[in-house]
Amino acid sequence: MLQRFQTLFLAIIVVSMGIMMAMPLWEKTALDGSQSIQLTALRLTHQQGISANITPVWYVALLGAVVAGIAAFAIFQYRNRLRQALLCGINSLVMTVLMGVLMYLIFGQSKDVFEPQNTGSFGYGFYALVVAMLSNVLANRFIRRDEKFVKSQDRFR
């Protein structure tokens, strides 16, 4: 049924992925203000004075859309809890890949461009991804709890 707790957590995943794609994920500014780097779901922008070097990272937005799509599809799979749990497991894998890609972009490529001691700051989009990962774990837990409850009720009949 749609009024279960896992539905709420799956909806939070969809909203969080929307926030992740709309808000900045990470940014860093030089102490003198001459350079800045900003990472969003679609591009990595390195601003040096009046010139800007823009690197497209559309695959971050694509992975975020895949996560949101899987979560939205899983909401309506409430009749088949095992399929719903499988979709949450797949979502966990995709979100782990997404987090790995973000860590590579932030700490592997962008951190050392200027002032390596300045690590920059994470934006709301990054924290939305963390909320989505936690919501996915909770949704999977409630799905498994419901499945266990239904199996225990079948034994009593």
C-alpha atoms as a PDB file:
ATOM      1  CA  MET A   1       0.000   0.000   0.000  1.00  0.00           C
ATOM      2  CA  LEU A   2       1.138   3.515  -0.679  1.00  0.00           C
ATOM      3  CA  GLN A   3       0.743   4.711   2.913  1.00  0.00           C
ATOM      4  CA  ARG A   4       3.642   2.648   4.256  1.00  0.00           C
ATOM      5  CA  PHE A   5       6.819   4.147   5.701  1.00  0.00           C
ATOM      6  CA  GLN A   6       8.956   2.907   2.825  1.00  0.00           C
ATOM      7  CA  THR A   7       6.852   4.960   0.413  1.00  0.00           C
ATOM      8  CA  LEU A   8       7.739   8.099   2.361  1.00  0.00           C
ATOM      9  CA  PHE A   9      11.441   7.246   2.287  1.00  0.00           C
ATOM     10  CA  LEU A  10      11.357   6.410  -1.420  1.00  0.00           C
ATOM     11  CA  ALA A  11       9.652   9.767  -2.072  1.00  0.00           C
ATOM     12  CA  ILE A  12      12.393  11.481  -0.054  1.00  0.00           C
ATOM     13  CA  ILE A  13      14.933   9.827  -2.369  1.00  0.00           C
ATOM     14  CA  VAL A  14      13.181  11.258  -5.445  1.00  0.00           C
ATOM     15  CA  VAL A  15      13.033  14.770  -3.924  1.00  0.00           C
ATOM     16  CA  SER A  16      16.646  14.570  -2.721  1.00  0.00           C
ATOM     17  CA  MET A  17      17.871  13.613  -6.178  1.00  0.00           C
ATOM     18  CA  GLY A  18      15.994  16.586  -7.617  1.00  0.00           C
ATOM     19  CA  ILE A  19      17.710  18.847  -5.084  1.00  0.00           C
ATOM     20  CA  MET A  20      21.075  17.243  -5.868  1.00  0.00           C
ATOM     21  CA  MET A  21      20.669  18.000  -9.564  1.00  0.00           C
ATOM     22  CA  ALA A  22      19.537  21.581  -8.945  1.00  0.00           C
ATOM     23  CA  MET A  23      21.963  22.750  -6.250  1.00  0.00           C
ATOM     24  CA  PRO A  24      25.777  23.055  -6.215  1.00  0.00           C
ATOM     25  CA  LEU A  25      27.592  19.951  -4.990  1.00  0.00           C
ATOM     26  CA  TRP A  26      30.959  21.474  -4.062  1.00  0.00           C
ATOM     27  CA  GLU A  27      32.767  24.780  -4.360  1.00  0.00           C
ATOM     28  CA  LYS A  28      36.147  26.233  -3.529  1.00  0.00           C
ATOM     29  CA  THR A  29      37.409  29.797  -3.718  1.00  0.00           C
ATOM     30  CA  ALA A  30      41.006  31.007  -3.496  1.00  0.00           C
ATOM     31  CA  LEU A  31      41.901  33.140  -0.484  1.00  0.00           C
ATOM     32  CA  ASP A  32      42.636  36.130  -2.721  1.00  0.00           C
ATOM     33  CA  GLY A  33      39.416  35.580  -4.693  1.00  0.00           C
ATOM     34  CA  SER A  34      41.167  35.259  -8.059  1.00  0.00           C
ATOM     35  CA  GLN A  35      40.072  31.672  -8.705  1.00  0.00           C
ATOM     36  CA  SER A  36      37.090  29.529  -7.899  1.00  0.00           C
ATOM     37  CA  ILE A  37      35.810  26.069  -8.728  1.00  0.00           C
ATOM     38  CA  GLN A  38      32.184  24.978  -8.593  1.00  0.00           C
ATOM     39  CA  LEU A  39      30.822  21.491  -9.175  1.00  0.00           C
ATOM     40  CA  THR A  40      27.181  21.003 -10.119  1.00  0.00           C
ATOM     41  CA  ALA A  41      25.436  17.940 -11.496  1.00  0.00           C
ATOM     42  CA  LEU A  42      26.050  19.117 -15.062  1.00  0.00           C
ATOM     43  CA  ARG A  43      29.406  20.917 -15.052  1.00  0.00           C
ATOM     44  CA  LEU A  44      32.668  21.576 -13.280  1.00  0.00           C
ATOM     45  CA  THR A  45      33.505  25.267 -13.658  1.00  0.00           C
ATOM     46  CA  HIS A  46      37.002  26.631 -12.953  1.00  0.00           C
ATOM     47  CA  GLN A  47      36.864  30.436 -12.962  1.00  0.00           C
ATOM     48  CA  GLN A  48      40.179  32.327 -13.289  1.00  0.00           C
ATOM     49  CA  GLY A  49      39.568  36.055 -13.342  1.00  0.00           C
ATOM     50  CA  ILE A  50      37.379  36.673 -16.375  1.00  0.00           C
ATOM     51  CA  SER A  51      38.061  33.344 -18.121  1.00  0.00           C
ATOM     52  CA  ALA A  52      36.295  30.126 -17.227  1.00  0.00           C
ATOM     53  CA  ASN A  53      37.135  26.515 -17.993  1.00  0.00           C
ATOM     54  CA  ILE A  54      33.926  24.468 -18.072  1.00  0.00           C
ATOM     55  CA  THR A  55      34.093  20.675 -18.011  1.00  0.00           C
ATOM     56  CA  PRO A  56      30.814  18.855 -18.629  1.00  0.00           C
ATOM     57  CA  VAL A  57      29.998  16.177 -16.050  1.00  0.00           C
ATOM     58  CA  TRP A  58      26.531  15.260 -17.337  1.00  0.00           C
ATOM     59  CA  TYR A  59      27.001  11.663 -16.150  1.00  0.00           C
ATOM     60  CA  VAL A  60      26.492  12.876 -12.551  1.00  0.00           C
ATOM     61  CA  ALA A  61      23.046  14.180 -13.499  1.00  0.00           C
ATOM     62  CA  LEU A  62      22.348  10.989 -15.434  1.00  0.00           C
ATOM     63  CA  LEU A  63      23.168   8.821 -12.405  1.00  0.00           C
ATOM     64  CA  GLY A  64      20.997  11.079 -10.229  1.00  0.00           C
ATOM     65  CA  ALA A  65      18.104  10.730 -12.672  1.00  0.00           C
ATOM     66  CA  VAL A  66      18.540   6.934 -12.701  1.00  0.00           C
ATOM     67  CA  VAL A  67      18.388   6.863  -8.898  1.00  0.00           C
ATOM     68  CA  ALA A  68      15.269   9.044  -8.866  1.00  0.00           C
ATOM     69  CA  GLY A  69      13.645   6.913 -11.572  1.00  0.00           C
ATOM     70  CA  ILE A  70      14.338   3.651  -9.768  1.00  0.00           C
ATOM     71  CA  ALA A  71      12.985   5.071  -6.503  1.00  0.00           C
ATOM     72  CA  ALA A  72       9.850   6.398  -8.219  1.00  0.00           C
ATOM     73  CA  PHE A  73       9.280   3.016  -9.877  1.00  0.00           C
ATOM     74  CA  ALA A  74       9.863   1.217  -6.558  1.00  0.00           C
ATOM     75  CA  ILE A  75       7.109   3.264  -4.898  1.00  0.00           C
ATOM     76  CA  PHE A  76       4.511   1.568  -7.086  1.00  0.00           C
ATOM     77  CA  GLN A  77       5.906  -1.934  -6.585  1.00  0.00           C
ATOM     78  CA  TYR A  78       4.266  -2.212  -3.149  1.00  0.00           C
ATOM     79  CA  ARG A  79       2.456  -5.442  -4.070  1.00  0.00           C
ATOM     80  CA  ASN A  80       5.762  -7.232  -4.665  1.00  0.00           C
ATOM     81  CA  ARG A  81       7.956  -6.433  -1.673  1.00  0.00           C
ATOM     82  CA  LEU A  82      10.815  -8.619  -2.899  1.00  0.00           C
ATOM     83  CA  ARG A  83      11.002  -6.634  -6.141  1.00  0.00           C
ATOM     84  CA  GLN A  84      10.824  -3.427  -4.133  1.00  0.00           C
ATOM     85  CA  ALA A  85      13.745  -4.602  -1.966  1.00  0.00           C
ATOM     86  CA  LEU A  86      15.696  -5.568  -5.098  1.00  0.00           C
ATOM     87  CA  LEU A  87      15.137  -2.107  -6.563  1.00  0.00           C
ATOM     88  CA  CYS A  88      16.382  -0.541  -3.318  1.00  0.00           C
ATOM     89  CA  GLY A  89      19.481  -2.720  -3.527  1.00  0.00           C
ATOM     90  CA  ILE A  90      20.114  -1.612  -7.103  1.00  0.00           C
ATOM     91  CA  ASN A  91      19.585   1.975  -5.988  1.00  0.00           C
ATOM     92  CA  SER A  92      22.196   1.488  -3.256  1.00  0.00           C
ATOM     93  CA  LEU A  93      24.723   0.350  -5.855  1.00  0.00           C
ATOM     94  CA  VAL A  94      23.977   3.261  -8.200  1.00  0.00           C
ATOM     95  CA  MET A  95      24.204   5.772  -5.337  1.00  0.00           C
ATOM     96  CA  THR A  96      27.530   4.266  -4.249  1.00  0.00           C
ATOM     97  CA  VAL A  97      28.851   4.689  -7.790  1.00  0.00           C
ATOM     98  CA  LEU A  98      27.522   8.260  -7.808  1.00  0.00           C
ATOM     99  CA  MET A  99      29.250   9.036  -4.507  1.00  0.00           C
ATOM    100  CA  GLY A 100      32.486   7.522  -5.826  1.00  0.00           C
ATOM    101  CA  VAL A 101      32.314   9.637  -8.975  1.00  0.00           C
ATOM    102  CA  LEU A 102      31.741  12.761  -6.889  1.00  0.00           C
ATOM    103  CA  MET A 103      34.660  11.948  -4.586  1.00  0.00           C
ATOM    104  CA  TYR A 104      36.884  11.431  -7.619  1.00  0.00           C
ATOM    105  CA  LEU A 105      35.794  14.730  -9.157  1.00  0.00           C
ATOM    106  CA  ILE A 106      36.249  16.626  -5.894  1.00  0.00           C
ATOM    107  CA  PHE A 107      39.354  15.080  -4.370  1.00  0.00           C
ATOM    108  CA  GLY A 108      40.959  13.523  -7.432  1.00  0.00           C
ATOM    109  CA  GLN A 109      40.625  16.263 -10.013  1.00  0.00           C
ATOM    110  CA  SER A 110      39.577  19.551  -8.450  1.00  0.00           C
ATOM    111  CA  LYS A 111      41.110  19.836  -5.003  1.00  0.00           C
ATOM    112  CA  ASP A 112      44.711  20.242  -6.164  1.00  0.00           C
ATOM    113  CA  VAL A 113      44.050  22.770  -8.951  1.00  0.00           C
ATOM    114  CA  PHE A 114      44.938  25.661  -6.641  1.00  0.00           C
ATOM    115  CA  GLU A 115      45.631  25.932  -2.902  1.00  0.00           C
ATOM    116  CA  PRO A 116      45.650  22.203  -2.018  1.00  0.00           C
ATOM    117  CA  GLN A 117      45.404  23.003   1.704  1.00  0.00           C
ATOM    118  CA  ASN A 118      41.983  24.601   1.080  1.00  0.00           C
ATOM    119  CA  THR A 119      39.549  21.692   0.682  1.00  0.00           C
ATOM    120  CA  GLY A 120      36.518  23.757  -0.294  1.00  0.00           C
ATOM    121  CA  SER A 121      32.994  23.289   0.998  1.00  0.00           C
ATOM    122  CA  PHE A 122      30.240  20.865   0.169  1.00  0.00           C
ATOM    123  CA  GLY A 123      26.968  22.312  -1.090  1.00  0.00           C
ATOM    124  CA  TYR A 124      23.354  21.421  -0.437  1.00  0.00           C
ATOM    125  CA  GLY A 125      23.340  19.053  -3.404  1.00  0.00           C
ATOM    126  CA  PHE A 126      25.971  16.836  -1.798  1.00  0.00           C
ATOM    127  CA  TYR A 127      24.052  16.693   1.468  1.00  0.00           C
ATOM    128  CA  ALA A 128      20.884  15.842  -0.477  1.00  0.00           C
ATOM    129  CA  LEU A 129      22.726  12.784  -1.834  1.00  0.00           C
ATOM    130  CA  VAL A 130      23.635  11.750   1.721  1.00  0.00           C
ATOM    131  CA  VAL A 131      19.973  12.133   2.774  1.00  0.00           C
ATOM    132  CA  ALA A 132      18.934  10.009  -0.212  1.00  0.00           C
ATOM    133  CA  MET A 133      21.399   7.271   0.753  1.00  0.00           C
ATOM    134  CA  LEU A 134      20.122   7.190   4.337  1.00  0.00           C
ATOM    135  CA  SER A 135      16.512   7.185   3.128  1.00  0.00           C
ATOM    136  CA  ASN A 136      17.282   4.251   0.855  1.00  0.00           C
ATOM    137  CA  VAL A 137      18.677   2.250   3.771  1.00  0.00           C
ATOM    138  CA  LEU A 138      15.602   3.035   5.877  1.00  0.00           C
ATOM    139  CA  ALA A 139      13.215   2.200   3.025  1.00  0.00           C
ATOM    140  CA  ASN A 140      14.920  -1.149   2.529  1.00  0.00           C
ATOM    141  CA  ARG A 141      14.709  -1.852   6.251  1.00  0.00           C
ATOM    142  CA  PHE A 142      10.957  -1.158   6.343  1.00  0.00           C
ATOM    143  CA  ILE A 143      10.365  -3.251   3.211  1.00  0.00           C
ATOM    144  CA  ARG A 144      12.146  -6.205   4.787  1.00  0.00           C
ATOM    145  CA  ARG A 145      10.246  -5.705   8.049  1.00  0.00           C
ATOM    146  CA  ASP A 146       6.922  -5.787   6.182  1.00  0.00           C
ATOM    147  CA  GLU A 147       7.952  -8.940   4.316  1.00  0.00           C
ATOM    148  CA  LYS A 148       8.940 -10.614   7.561  1.00  0.00           C
ATOM    149  CA  PHE A 149       5.628  -9.611   9.163  1.00  0.00           C
ATOM    150  CA  VAL A 150       3.594 -10.985   6.242  1.00  0.00           C
ATOM    151  CA  LYS A 151       5.496 -14.288   6.312  1.00  0.00           C
ATOM    152  CA  SER A 152       4.911 -14.622  10.056  1.00  0.00           C
ATOM    153  CA  GLN A 153       1.177 -14.003   9.570  1.00  0.00           C
ATOM    154  CA  ASP A 154       1.014 -16.707   6.877  1.00  0.00           C
ATOM    155  CA  ARG A 155       2.321 -19.256   9.367  1.00  0.00           C
ATOM    156  CA  PHE A 156      -0.581 -18.601  11.722  1.00  0.00           C
ATOM    157  CA  ARG A 157      -3.273 -19.338   9.116  1.00  0.00           C
END
